[in-house]
Amino acid sequence: MDNVLDFLQKSHVHIKDWEKVKDKIQSLVTGRHNQLQVVADFDFTLTKFHNNGQKIPSTYSVMESYSNWPMECKEAIRLLKSNYHEIDNDPLRTIKEKTPLLLDLLRDAFKIMQCSRLQESNFKSMVEESSIQFREGVESFFEDLNIANIPVLIISAGLGNIILEVLSKHSLLKNNLKVIANHVKYYQIDDEITDAVSSRQFVHPYNKDVISSRLSDGYFENLSHCKNMILLGDSLGDLHMSCGAAANTLLTIGFLNEKIEQSLANYTEHFDIVLVDDQTFNVPNSLIKLVVG
């Protein structure tokens, strides 16, 4: 097994417990593709954090930079996003204190979207204008999962309309993929398109356990035969995306994009594999090739 894990012997790959990781990978390989499922975050997990030092936008930033969006809406969203980032990264606030504040900001952001009269067709234009891009190798990753019929669940606190457009642009919307995110919903009423935020619970960084456990379509129950899981995220909150699944083997991979010195110890404590400033998907791709053979 050691010889085939050379892709983990890199300076940017950090693993606290090598024996545990090797055992988990061996279990994934033994179970093969028909026992595997994947769950992943979207922003800065599937997408790059930067490209040669140039910051890549999040799904909300894609909308914020849209050329045909009114300036007052852009400025309002920009302020909300700044406040959101400040609260989310405040070390003096507990998760319990952060959660209601983040939810209020999400509600305010979606109200702005409603008032701006965005149309469903606008989201495709937003993606075409933007510099959002997948990590190198993500498309191959999804193609291999689709060919092997490995189920993929994306749980994101990002803007679902943008996520779907990005996936569509790269022809990645396949039958093995499900996306849970914050969508602006559109309904046909008297030949006019009106928009409304989905009435279900907002997804934010600290409720992915609840979202995962309450999937209304019995997603994880229908995958009870998939006893092995690979989880991909860029925040500690992403670790809870597996809560709805009964996985015998759970291999977690964390992308550490920023505040590396301050966060590395905490990430290696909680993720099995930590990838530091890695804008590729080489490690996940190598793992999948081991599993599917």
Protein backbone atom coordinates (compact mmCIF):
# COMPACT_ATOMS: atom_id res chain seq x y z
CA MET A 1 0.00 0.00 0.00
CA ASP A 2 2.89 2.40 0.80
CA ASN A 3 4.18 2.32 -2.77
CA VAL A 4 0.85 3.37 -4.26
CA LEU A 5 0.46 6.27 -1.85
CA ASP A 6 3.37 8.29 -3.20
CA PHE A 7 0.90 11.07 -4.10
CA LEU A 8 0.52 11.71 -0.36
CA GLN A 9 4.28 12.07 0.14
CA LYS A 10 4.32 15.75 -0.78
CA SER A 11 5.37 18.77 1.28
CA HIS A 12 1.92 20.38 1.06
CA VAL A 13 0.14 17.20 2.23
CA HIS A 14 -0.22 16.94 6.01
CA ILE A 15 -1.37 13.77 7.78
CA LYS A 16 -1.33 13.37 11.56
CA ASP A 17 -2.10 9.65 11.74
CA TRP A 18 -0.59 7.79 8.80
CA GLU A 19 -1.66 4.33 9.95
CA LYS A 20 -5.29 5.38 10.30
CA VAL A 21 -5.27 6.97 6.85
CA LYS A 22 -3.68 3.90 5.26
CA ASP A 23 -6.27 1.66 6.91
CA LYS A 24 -9.09 3.87 5.63
CA ILE A 25 -7.72 3.93 2.09
CA GLN A 26 -7.32 0.15 2.17
CA SER A 27 -10.97 -0.12 3.22
CA LEU A 28 -12.03 2.15 0.33
CA VAL A 29 -10.03 0.08 -2.14
CA THR A 30 -11.45 -3.20 -0.79
CA GLY A 31 -15.00 -1.89 -1.00
CA ARG A 32 -14.49 -0.73 -4.59
CA HIS A 33 -16.64 1.82 -6.36
CA ASN A 34 -20.01 0.19 -5.63
CA GLN A 35 -19.63 0.85 -1.90
CA LEU A 36 -18.38 4.44 -2.24
CA GLN A 37 -20.13 7.81 -2.07
CA VAL A 38 -18.68 11.32 -2.06
CA VAL A 39 -19.85 14.47 -0.28
CA ALA A 40 -18.25 17.84 -0.95
CA ASP A 41 -18.44 21.54 -0.30
CA PHE A 42 -18.33 23.86 -3.35
CA ASP A 43 -16.73 27.29 -2.80
CA PHE A 44 -12.95 26.97 -2.38
CA THR A 45 -13.21 23.19 -2.18
CA LEU A 46 -14.16 22.31 -5.73
CA THR A 47 -13.22 25.80 -6.90
CA LYS A 48 -9.79 27.38 -6.67
CA PHE A 49 -9.02 29.80 -3.85
CA HIS A 50 -6.63 31.72 -6.05
CA ASN A 51 -5.00 31.53 -9.46
CA ASN A 52 -1.35 32.59 -9.35
CA GLY A 53 -2.13 34.80 -6.35
CA GLN A 54 -5.27 36.34 -7.86
CA LYS A 55 -8.25 35.60 -5.58
CA ILE A 56 -10.98 33.53 -7.22
CA PRO A 57 -14.54 34.70 -6.47
CA SER A 58 -17.05 32.78 -4.39
CA THR A 59 -20.52 32.14 -5.80
CA TYR A 60 -21.83 35.26 -4.05
CA SER A 61 -18.94 37.33 -5.40
CA VAL A 62 -19.82 36.16 -8.91
CA MET A 63 -23.25 37.72 -8.45
CA GLU A 64 -21.83 40.83 -6.81
CA SER A 65 -19.58 41.57 -9.79
CA TYR A 66 -22.30 41.09 -12.41
CA SER A 67 -22.16 44.03 -14.83
CA ASN A 68 -25.94 44.34 -15.27
CA TRP A 69 -26.74 44.40 -11.58
CA PRO A 70 -27.62 47.82 -10.07
CA MET A 71 -24.74 49.45 -8.20
CA GLU A 72 -26.83 49.94 -5.05
CA CYS A 73 -27.45 46.17 -4.94
CA LYS A 74 -23.76 45.42 -5.43
CA GLU A 75 -22.78 47.78 -2.62
CA ALA A 76 -25.40 46.34 -0.28
CA ILE A 77 -24.29 42.76 -0.98
CA ARG A 78 -20.63 43.75 -0.62
CA LEU A 79 -21.34 45.18 2.84
CA LEU A 80 -23.30 42.11 3.92
CA LYS A 81 -20.52 39.83 2.64
CA SER A 82 -17.91 41.81 4.57
CA ASN A 83 -19.97 41.58 7.75
CA TYR A 84 -20.56 37.87 7.16
CA HIS A 85 -16.82 37.20 6.75
CA GLU A 86 -16.00 39.24 9.87
CA ILE A 87 -18.53 37.37 12.02
CA ASP A 88 -17.64 33.96 10.61
CA ASN A 89 -13.94 34.49 11.36
CA ASP A 90 -14.35 36.15 14.77
CA PRO A 91 -12.44 33.98 17.28
CA LEU A 92 -14.18 35.67 20.22
CA ARG A 93 -17.68 34.57 19.16
CA THR A 94 -18.98 31.05 19.72
CA ILE A 95 -20.80 29.13 16.98
CA LYS A 96 -24.01 29.63 18.96
CA GLU A 97 -23.46 33.40 18.87
CA LYS A 98 -22.46 33.45 15.20
CA THR A 99 -25.34 31.41 13.83
CA PRO A 100 -28.29 33.84 14.26
CA LEU A 101 -26.15 36.72 12.98
CA LEU A 102 -25.13 34.80 9.86
CA LEU A 103 -28.73 33.77 9.22
CA ASP A 104 -29.88 37.39 9.45
CA LEU A 105 -27.26 38.38 6.89
CA LEU A 106 -28.31 35.57 4.54
CA ARG A 107 -31.95 36.64 4.77
CA ASP A 108 -30.98 40.23 4.04
CA ALA A 109 -28.90 39.15 1.04
CA PHE A 110 -31.77 37.19 -0.47
CA LYS A 111 -34.16 40.09 0.09
CA ILE A 112 -31.78 42.27 -1.92
CA MET A 113 -31.82 39.68 -4.71
CA GLN A 114 -35.60 39.72 -4.74
CA CYS A 115 -35.83 43.50 -4.82
CA SER A 116 -33.28 43.72 -7.64
CA ARG A 117 -35.58 41.73 -9.92
CA LEU A 118 -32.91 39.31 -11.05
CA GLN A 119 -34.14 36.88 -13.68
CA GLU A 120 -33.23 33.21 -13.83
CA SER A 121 -31.44 33.75 -17.13
CA ASN A 122 -29.11 36.30 -15.47
CA PHE A 123 -27.21 33.62 -13.57
CA LYS A 124 -25.77 32.09 -16.72
CA SER A 125 -24.50 35.53 -17.77
CA MET A 126 -22.96 36.04 -14.32
CA VAL A 127 -20.94 32.84 -14.65
CA GLU A 128 -19.85 33.67 -18.20
CA GLU A 129 -18.53 37.06 -17.01
CA SER A 130 -16.80 35.73 -13.91
CA SER A 131 -13.36 34.27 -13.24
CA ILE A 132 -14.68 31.45 -11.04
CA GLN A 133 -12.90 28.21 -11.91
CA PHE A 134 -12.54 24.66 -10.69
CA ARG A 135 -9.36 23.33 -9.17
CA GLU A 136 -7.26 21.58 -11.78
CA GLY A 137 -8.55 18.04 -12.10
CA VAL A 138 -12.06 18.55 -10.74
CA GLU A 139 -13.68 17.85 -14.11
CA SER A 140 -11.78 14.56 -14.43
CA PHE A 141 -12.80 13.72 -10.86
CA PHE A 142 -16.50 14.17 -11.66
CA GLU A 143 -16.17 12.29 -14.94
CA ASP A 144 -14.58 9.29 -13.19
CA LEU A 145 -17.29 9.32 -10.51
CA ASN A 146 -20.02 9.42 -13.15
CA ILE A 147 -18.50 6.57 -15.18
CA ALA A 148 -18.23 4.44 -12.02
CA ASN A 149 -21.75 5.52 -10.94
CA ILE A 150 -20.44 6.82 -7.60
CA PRO A 151 -23.01 9.14 -5.95
CA VAL A 152 -21.90 12.72 -5.26
CA LEU A 153 -23.61 15.14 -2.88
CA ILE A 154 -22.65 18.82 -2.79
CA ILE A 155 -23.72 20.67 0.36
CA SER A 156 -22.88 24.36 0.07
CA ALA A 157 -23.69 27.58 1.88
CA GLY A 158 -23.11 29.27 -1.48
CA LEU A 159 -25.57 30.49 -4.09
CA GLY A 160 -27.14 27.42 -5.66
CA ASN A 161 -28.14 29.12 -8.90
CA ILE A 162 -24.50 29.95 -9.60
CA ILE A 163 -23.33 26.46 -8.58
CA LEU A 164 -25.72 24.84 -11.04
CA GLU A 165 -24.64 27.18 -13.84
CA VAL A 166 -20.94 26.47 -13.21
CA LEU A 167 -21.59 22.73 -13.22
CA SER A 168 -23.71 23.06 -16.36
CA LYS A 169 -21.03 25.10 -18.12
CA HIS A 170 -18.61 22.21 -17.65
CA SER A 171 -21.23 19.53 -18.50
CA LEU A 172 -21.06 18.05 -15.00
CA LEU A 173 -24.77 17.90 -14.17
CA LYS A 174 -25.14 14.11 -14.24
CA ASN A 175 -27.58 11.67 -12.69
CA ASN A 176 -25.13 10.72 -9.93
CA LEU A 177 -25.00 14.31 -8.60
CA LYS A 178 -27.22 16.11 -6.08
CA VAL A 179 -26.76 19.75 -4.98
CA ILE A 180 -28.00 21.25 -1.71
CA ALA A 181 -27.39 25.01 -1.49
CA ASN A 182 -29.15 28.37 -1.09
CA HIS A 183 -31.27 28.83 -4.21
CA VAL A 184 -33.31 31.75 -5.43
CA LYS A 185 -36.51 30.05 -6.61
CA TYR A 186 -38.56 31.16 -9.62
CA TYR A 187 -42.25 30.54 -10.22
CA GLN A 188 -44.49 31.17 -13.22
CA ILE A 189 -47.47 33.38 -12.29
CA ASP A 190 -49.72 34.96 -14.94
CA ASP A 191 -46.99 34.70 -17.58
CA GLU A 192 -44.61 36.70 -15.39
CA ILE A 193 -41.58 35.30 -13.65
CA THR A 194 -41.49 36.18 -9.98
CA ASP A 195 -38.72 35.16 -7.65
CA ALA A 196 -38.78 33.91 -4.12
CA VAL A 197 -36.23 32.44 -1.77
CA SER A 198 -36.79 28.78 -1.04
CA SER A 199 -38.75 28.43 2.17
CA ARG A 200 -36.60 25.61 3.45
CA GLN A 201 -33.75 26.16 5.85
CA PHE A 202 -30.77 28.24 4.75
CA VAL A 203 -27.46 26.41 4.53
CA HIS A 204 -24.63 28.07 6.45
CA PRO A 205 -21.22 26.84 7.66
CA TYR A 206 -22.51 25.63 11.03
CA ASN A 207 -25.69 23.72 10.18
CA LYS A 208 -24.44 21.24 7.59
CA ASP A 209 -24.99 18.48 10.16
CA VAL A 210 -28.69 19.38 10.37
CA ILE A 211 -28.99 19.76 6.59
CA SER A 212 -27.28 16.40 6.06
CA SER A 213 -29.47 14.63 8.63
CA ARG A 214 -32.77 16.04 7.31
CA LEU A 215 -32.51 15.46 3.56
CA SER A 216 -36.20 15.03 2.75
CA ASP A 217 -35.82 12.57 -0.13
CA GLY A 218 -34.19 9.82 1.92
CA TYR A 219 -30.91 10.41 0.09
CA PHE A 220 -28.63 8.61 2.52
CA GLU A 221 -31.18 5.85 3.24
CA ASN A 222 -31.21 5.05 -0.46
CA LEU A 223 -27.42 4.76 -0.34
CA SER A 224 -27.28 2.39 2.62
CA HIS A 225 -25.17 0.03 0.49
CA CYS A 226 -22.52 2.76 0.12
CA LYS A 227 -20.74 2.14 3.38
CA ASN A 228 -17.63 4.13 2.45
CA MET A 229 -17.39 7.89 2.01
CA ILE A 230 -14.87 10.49 0.93
CA LEU A 231 -15.63 13.94 2.36
CA LEU A 232 -14.08 17.09 0.87
CA GLY A 233 -14.22 20.53 2.47
CA ASP A 234 -12.30 23.68 3.29
CA SER A 235 -13.73 24.50 6.72
CA LEU A 236 -14.18 22.56 9.94
CA GLY A 237 -17.94 22.95 9.58
CA ASP A 238 -17.77 20.86 6.41
CA LEU A 239 -16.85 17.82 8.51
CA HIS A 240 -20.51 17.61 9.56
CA MET A 241 -21.74 16.99 5.99
CA SER A 242 -21.57 13.24 6.65
CA CYS A 243 -23.92 13.30 9.66
CA GLY A 244 -26.89 11.88 7.74
CA ALA A 245 -24.91 8.90 6.45
CA ALA A 246 -24.11 5.62 8.15
CA ALA A 247 -20.58 5.31 6.82
CA ASN A 248 -18.33 2.52 8.07
CA THR A 249 -15.26 4.21 6.60
CA LEU A 250 -15.11 8.00 6.34
CA LEU A 251 -12.00 9.56 4.80
CA THR A 252 -11.92 13.34 5.21
CA ILE A 253 -9.84 15.70 3.08
CA GLY A 254 -9.48 19.36 4.03
CA PHE A 255 -8.25 22.16 1.78
CA LEU A 256 -6.47 24.74 3.94
CA ASN A 257 -6.51 27.90 1.85
CA GLU A 258 -5.56 30.73 4.22
CA LYS A 259 -4.36 31.50 7.76
CA ILE A 260 -2.20 28.43 7.35
CA GLU A 261 0.10 28.84 10.35
CA GLN A 262 -2.79 29.57 12.71
CA SER A 263 -5.04 26.80 11.40
CA LEU A 264 -2.83 23.89 10.35
CA ALA A 265 -2.71 22.14 13.74
CA ASN A 266 -6.49 22.34 14.12
CA TYR A 267 -7.08 21.07 10.58
CA THR A 268 -4.73 18.11 10.95
CA GLU A 269 -6.44 17.28 14.23
CA HIS A 270 -9.84 16.99 12.55
CA PHE A 271 -9.24 16.11 8.86
CA ASP A 272 -7.51 12.86 7.91
CA ILE A 273 -5.64 14.57 5.06
CA VAL A 274 -4.93 18.31 4.87
CA LEU A 275 -3.88 19.94 1.60
CA VAL A 276 -2.16 23.29 2.10
CA ASP A 277 -2.56 25.89 -0.67
CA ASP A 278 -3.21 23.17 -3.24
CA GLN A 279 -5.14 24.53 -6.24
CA THR A 280 -5.36 21.07 -7.82
CA PHE A 281 -7.47 17.96 -7.27
CA ASN A 282 -4.53 15.60 -7.67
CA VAL A 283 -4.98 13.88 -4.32
CA PRO A 284 -8.72 13.16 -4.65
CA ASN A 285 -8.17 12.02 -8.25
CA SER A 286 -5.42 9.63 -7.20
CA LEU A 287 -7.66 8.17 -4.49
CA ILE A 288 -10.54 7.60 -6.90
CA LYS A 289 -8.26 5.86 -9.39
CA LEU A 290 -7.16 3.50 -6.60
CA VAL A 291 -10.78 2.69 -5.78
CA VAL A 292 -12.12 2.22 -9.31
CA GLY A 293 -8.95 0.45 -10.51
